[in-house]
Amino acid sequence: MKLFFPLFFLLLLTACAKPPKPVWTELPSSEELVQRLTSTTGQAFSLDGAATVGLTVNGKHFSSQQFLLVQKPDRLRADVLTGFGQLILQLSSNGKELSVFTNTTVPGHFYRGPATAENISRFTRIPLATRSMVHLLLYDPPLIDYQQSTVSTDENGLLLRLENRQLQQELLFDNQLQLVGCRYFSGNELMLEVLYQKFDQEEHFPRTVRLNLFTEKTRATLKFSELRTNIEIAPERFQLKQPAHIPVENLPR
């Protein structure tokens, strides 16, 4: 019995210990990492999920519960509720047309217009084009057209840097070569950072997505509580119907 407790304690420590970080005796080439990227990301073409969303803009924080429909290449719908379950916003884009219902006044307002990044940003506070937002949420960050590429070690894994004359992109891989983040630069200025966390063990799809838009001083965190990928979504789900007795207000073109 005296030996049982020390042995049990040793087994417990072993079970809790994190696997050792690999020592990179030879770094993968940039071509190998790009190939790894294309084989492990971009596998989802659609998403239906419920998420807690935290948004910080210029130091002001907002939180909501959202039901999201996302489908490539550029279809997006968000039904936004307060913490008490009250619907405050419906936003839907079929890639060309944006329709929005706001329910924060009596009566509410219904808007319709082109699905530009400026129009979407008016309601989401995230100034990204629909196509970019869709691909980022579907764990498929767009790659820049690059002329140079380098690979280096990072404190948490590997970093693949892609460059052209105007833009740079950094892709962050963990020690198992799983993409966990990317950064976009204009010149030497960091514009956008996207981090992927809490991966599903079966589908290897992130349950948490963090977006940092530095020039706009905006941060968004999406934590999915329910999530289904690669499902068929009817096209009409991305087109809101005009509510009765509420006129259409045109969004700028």
Protein backbone atom coordinates (compact mmCIF):
# COMPACT_ATOMS: atom_id res chain seq x y z
CA MET A 1 0.00 0.00 0.00
CA LYS A 2 2.84 2.41 0.68
CA LEU A 3 4.04 2.03 -2.91
CA PHE A 4 0.58 2.59 -4.35
CA PHE A 5 0.33 6.34 -3.70
CA PRO A 6 3.74 7.30 -5.16
CA LEU A 7 3.05 5.13 -8.21
CA PHE A 8 -0.43 6.59 -8.64
CA PHE A 9 0.96 10.12 -8.33
CA LEU A 10 3.62 9.38 -10.95
CA LEU A 11 1.01 8.02 -13.36
CA LEU A 12 -1.16 11.07 -12.79
CA LEU A 13 1.72 13.43 -13.57
CA THR A 14 2.54 11.44 -16.71
CA ALA A 15 -1.06 11.58 -17.90
CA CYS A 16 -1.25 15.36 -17.40
CA ALA A 17 2.13 16.14 -18.93
CA LYS A 18 2.06 17.83 -22.35
CA PRO A 19 3.84 16.05 -25.19
CA PRO A 20 7.36 17.39 -25.67
CA LYS A 21 7.83 19.99 -28.36
CA PRO A 22 9.62 18.60 -31.41
CA VAL A 23 13.14 19.75 -32.09
CA TRP A 24 13.30 20.83 -35.72
CA THR A 25 16.51 19.34 -37.08
CA GLU A 26 15.36 20.28 -40.59
CA LEU A 27 12.65 22.80 -41.33
CA PRO A 28 9.94 21.92 -43.88
CA SER A 29 10.20 23.85 -47.11
CA SER A 30 7.69 26.57 -47.91
CA GLU A 31 6.28 24.35 -50.66
CA GLU A 32 5.69 21.56 -48.14
CA LEU A 33 3.90 23.92 -45.76
CA VAL A 34 1.72 25.36 -48.52
CA GLN A 35 0.82 21.81 -49.57
CA ARG A 36 0.06 20.97 -45.93
CA LEU A 37 -2.10 24.06 -45.74
CA THR A 38 -4.16 23.20 -48.81
CA SER A 39 -4.71 19.62 -47.59
CA THR A 40 -5.88 20.55 -44.09
CA THR A 41 -7.79 23.83 -44.57
CA GLY A 42 -10.55 24.80 -46.95
CA GLN A 43 -12.34 21.47 -46.48
CA ALA A 44 -15.60 23.08 -45.35
CA PHE A 45 -17.85 24.75 -47.92
CA SER A 46 -20.62 25.71 -45.49
CA LEU A 47 -21.35 26.22 -41.81
CA ASP A 48 -24.45 26.30 -39.62
CA GLY A 49 -23.69 27.24 -36.02
CA ALA A 50 -24.55 29.05 -32.82
CA ALA A 51 -21.83 31.22 -31.32
CA THR A 52 -21.20 33.62 -28.50
CA VAL A 53 -19.67 36.69 -30.12
CA GLY A 54 -17.64 39.33 -28.34
CA LEU A 55 -16.84 42.54 -30.19
CA THR A 56 -14.57 45.34 -29.00
CA VAL A 57 -14.47 48.60 -31.00
CA ASN A 58 -12.32 51.50 -29.80
CA GLY A 59 -12.34 50.09 -26.29
CA LYS A 60 -16.13 49.56 -26.14
CA HIS A 61 -17.21 45.95 -25.70
CA PHE A 62 -20.39 44.33 -27.03
CA SER A 63 -21.51 40.72 -26.65
CA SER A 64 -24.30 38.76 -28.32
CA GLN A 65 -25.55 35.31 -29.18
CA GLN A 66 -25.56 34.72 -32.92
CA PHE A 67 -26.88 32.04 -35.24
CA LEU A 68 -24.70 31.94 -38.33
CA LEU A 69 -25.09 30.51 -41.80
CA VAL A 70 -21.99 30.67 -43.97
CA GLN A 71 -21.49 29.27 -47.45
CA LYS A 72 -18.78 29.68 -50.07
CA PRO A 73 -17.98 31.71 -51.95
CA ASP A 74 -19.69 34.75 -50.42
CA ARG A 75 -22.99 33.93 -48.70
CA LEU A 76 -23.52 34.95 -45.09
CA ARG A 77 -26.41 35.25 -42.65
CA ALA A 78 -26.37 36.32 -39.00
CA ASP A 79 -29.32 36.38 -36.59
CA VAL A 80 -28.17 38.38 -33.56
CA LEU A 81 -29.78 38.11 -30.13
CA THR A 82 -29.14 39.85 -26.83
CA GLY A 83 -28.17 37.86 -23.75
CA PHE A 84 -31.89 37.77 -22.88
CA GLY A 85 -32.80 36.16 -26.21
CA GLN A 86 -34.27 39.24 -27.90
CA LEU A 87 -33.68 39.50 -31.65
CA ILE A 88 -31.92 42.78 -32.41
CA LEU A 89 -30.49 42.23 -35.89
CA GLN A 90 -30.85 40.03 -38.95
CA LEU A 91 -28.27 40.38 -41.70
CA SER A 92 -28.11 38.35 -44.87
CA SER A 93 -25.97 38.54 -48.00
CA ASN A 94 -26.19 36.38 -51.10
CA GLY A 95 -22.89 37.79 -52.32
CA LYS A 96 -24.46 40.57 -54.38
CA GLU A 97 -27.32 41.97 -52.32
CA LEU A 98 -27.35 42.76 -48.61
CA SER A 99 -30.58 42.82 -46.62
CA VAL A 100 -30.73 43.88 -42.97
CA PHE A 101 -33.50 44.10 -40.38
CA THR A 102 -32.76 46.04 -37.20
CA ASN A 103 -35.09 45.55 -34.24
CA THR A 104 -33.76 48.09 -31.77
CA THR A 105 -36.52 50.64 -32.34
CA VAL A 106 -40.30 50.49 -32.69
CA PRO A 107 -40.96 50.03 -35.50
CA GLY A 108 -37.77 48.41 -36.76
CA HIS A 109 -35.88 49.29 -39.93
CA PHE A 110 -35.34 47.23 -43.08
CA TYR A 111 -32.39 47.98 -45.37
CA ARG A 112 -31.44 46.63 -48.77
CA GLY A 113 -28.50 47.37 -51.06
CA PRO A 114 -25.25 46.08 -52.53
CA ALA A 115 -23.20 43.72 -50.35
CA THR A 116 -20.15 45.96 -50.15
CA ALA A 117 -17.63 45.85 -47.32
CA GLU A 118 -18.70 49.38 -46.32
CA ASN A 119 -22.39 48.46 -46.07
CA ILE A 120 -21.72 45.27 -44.11
CA SER A 121 -19.38 47.13 -41.77
CA ARG A 122 -22.20 49.54 -40.85
CA PHE A 123 -23.92 46.68 -39.03
CA THR A 124 -21.17 44.21 -38.12
CA ARG A 125 -18.46 46.79 -37.21
CA ILE A 126 -16.02 44.48 -39.08
CA PRO A 127 -14.79 46.11 -42.32
CA LEU A 128 -14.22 42.97 -44.36
CA ALA A 129 -15.66 42.00 -47.72
CA THR A 130 -18.22 39.18 -47.56
CA ARG A 131 -15.99 36.76 -49.47
CA SER A 132 -13.05 37.37 -47.13
CA MET A 133 -15.21 36.97 -44.03
CA VAL A 134 -16.76 33.76 -45.34
CA HIS A 135 -13.40 32.15 -46.10
CA LEU A 136 -11.91 33.19 -42.76
CA LEU A 137 -14.87 31.75 -40.83
CA LEU A 138 -14.66 28.52 -42.82
CA TYR A 139 -11.02 27.99 -41.82
CA ASP A 140 -9.78 28.83 -45.30
CA PRO A 141 -7.70 32.03 -45.05
CA PRO A 142 -7.00 33.44 -48.52
CA LEU A 143 -3.37 33.38 -49.65
CA ILE A 144 -1.81 36.43 -51.23
CA ASP A 145 -0.07 36.21 -54.59
CA TYR A 146 3.53 35.93 -53.48
CA GLN A 147 6.96 36.02 -55.10
CA GLN A 148 9.03 35.12 -52.03
CA SER A 149 8.49 32.68 -49.17
CA THR A 150 10.50 31.77 -46.08
CA VAL A 151 10.08 29.36 -43.17
CA SER A 152 11.28 29.99 -39.64
CA THR A 153 10.62 28.71 -36.14
CA ASP A 154 8.13 30.42 -33.88
CA GLU A 155 7.81 30.10 -30.11
CA ASN A 156 4.75 27.89 -30.64
CA GLY A 157 5.70 26.14 -33.88
CA LEU A 158 6.56 27.27 -37.40
CA LEU A 159 5.98 30.48 -39.33
CA LEU A 160 5.57 30.62 -43.11
CA ARG A 161 6.03 34.14 -44.51
CA LEU A 162 4.79 35.02 -47.98
CA GLU A 163 5.68 38.32 -49.66
CA ASN A 164 5.16 40.40 -52.76
CA ARG A 165 6.09 44.01 -53.43
CA GLN A 166 3.19 45.44 -51.44
CA LEU A 167 1.80 42.74 -49.14
CA GLN A 168 3.06 40.17 -46.67
CA GLN A 169 1.32 37.27 -45.02
CA GLU A 170 2.39 35.12 -42.09
CA LEU A 171 0.90 31.68 -41.53
CA LEU A 172 1.32 30.15 -38.08
CA PHE A 173 1.56 26.38 -37.62
CA ASP A 174 1.66 24.50 -34.33
CA ASN A 175 4.08 21.65 -33.64
CA GLN A 176 1.74 19.18 -35.37
CA LEU A 177 1.71 21.41 -38.48
CA GLN A 178 -1.88 22.46 -37.85
CA LEU A 179 -2.62 25.99 -39.07
CA VAL A 180 -3.52 28.04 -35.99
CA GLY A 181 -3.39 31.59 -37.32
CA CYS A 182 -2.47 34.05 -40.04
CA ARG A 183 -1.50 37.71 -40.26
CA TYR A 184 -1.84 40.15 -43.15
CA PHE A 185 0.46 43.14 -43.61
CA SER A 186 0.44 46.14 -45.91
CA GLY A 187 4.05 47.20 -46.17
CA ASN A 188 5.30 46.66 -42.63
CA GLU A 189 1.96 47.54 -41.01
CA LEU A 190 -0.01 44.67 -39.47
CA MET A 191 -3.59 44.98 -40.73
CA LEU A 192 -5.38 41.78 -39.75
CA GLU A 193 -4.67 38.82 -37.49
CA VAL A 194 -6.84 35.69 -37.37
CA LEU A 195 -6.35 33.01 -34.71
CA TYR A 196 -7.93 29.54 -34.73
CA GLN A 197 -8.36 27.66 -31.45
CA LYS A 198 -10.25 24.80 -29.73
CA PHE A 199 -10.16 22.39 -32.66
CA ASP A 200 -12.77 19.67 -32.97
CA GLN A 201 -11.01 16.33 -32.55
CA GLU A 202 -12.96 14.60 -35.33
CA GLU A 203 -13.33 17.28 -38.00
CA HIS A 204 -10.21 19.32 -37.03
CA PHE A 205 -12.28 22.46 -37.37
CA PRO A 206 -11.77 25.40 -34.99
CA ARG A 207 -14.47 26.10 -32.42
CA THR A 208 -13.03 29.52 -31.58
CA VAL A 209 -12.07 32.19 -34.12
CA ARG A 210 -10.46 35.49 -33.14
CA LEU A 211 -10.10 38.45 -35.49
CA ASN A 212 -7.98 41.51 -34.75
CA LEU A 213 -8.25 44.47 -37.15
CA PHE A 214 -5.52 46.76 -35.92
CA THR A 215 -6.05 49.92 -37.95
CA GLU A 216 -9.76 49.96 -37.01
CA LYS A 217 -9.02 49.06 -33.37
CA THR A 218 -11.53 46.24 -33.61
CA ARG A 219 -11.42 42.74 -32.09
CA ALA A 220 -13.98 39.99 -32.54
CA THR A 221 -14.13 36.58 -30.88
CA LEU A 222 -16.53 33.85 -31.98
CA LYS A 223 -16.96 30.82 -29.70
CA PHE A 224 -19.16 28.15 -31.26
CA SER A 225 -21.37 26.13 -28.93
CA GLU A 226 -23.07 24.31 -31.82
CA LEU A 227 -21.52 23.70 -35.20
CA ARG A 228 -22.25 21.74 -38.36
CA THR A 229 -20.16 21.96 -41.51
CA ASN A 230 -20.60 20.89 -45.13
CA ILE A 231 -24.38 21.00 -45.11
CA GLU A 232 -26.69 22.11 -47.90
CA ILE A 233 -28.28 25.51 -47.24
CA ALA A 234 -31.24 26.68 -49.30
CA PRO A 235 -30.41 29.83 -51.31
CA GLU A 236 -33.46 31.67 -49.96
CA ARG A 237 -31.97 31.57 -46.46
CA PHE A 238 -29.56 34.26 -47.65
CA GLN A 239 -32.33 36.67 -48.67
CA LEU A 240 -34.44 38.34 -45.98
CA LYS A 241 -38.10 39.05 -46.68
CA GLN A 242 -39.33 42.56 -46.13
CA PRO A 243 -41.35 42.70 -42.89
CA ALA A 244 -44.95 43.80 -43.22
CA HIS A 245 -45.63 47.54 -42.77
CA ILE A 246 -41.91 48.44 -42.75
CA PRO A 247 -40.60 50.31 -45.81
CA VAL A 248 -37.35 49.48 -47.55
CA GLU A 249 -34.46 51.88 -46.92
CA ASN A 250 -31.81 51.82 -49.62
CA LEU A 251 -28.17 51.32 -48.69
CA PRO A 252 -25.56 53.38 -50.59
CA ARG A 253 -24.05 51.97 -53.75
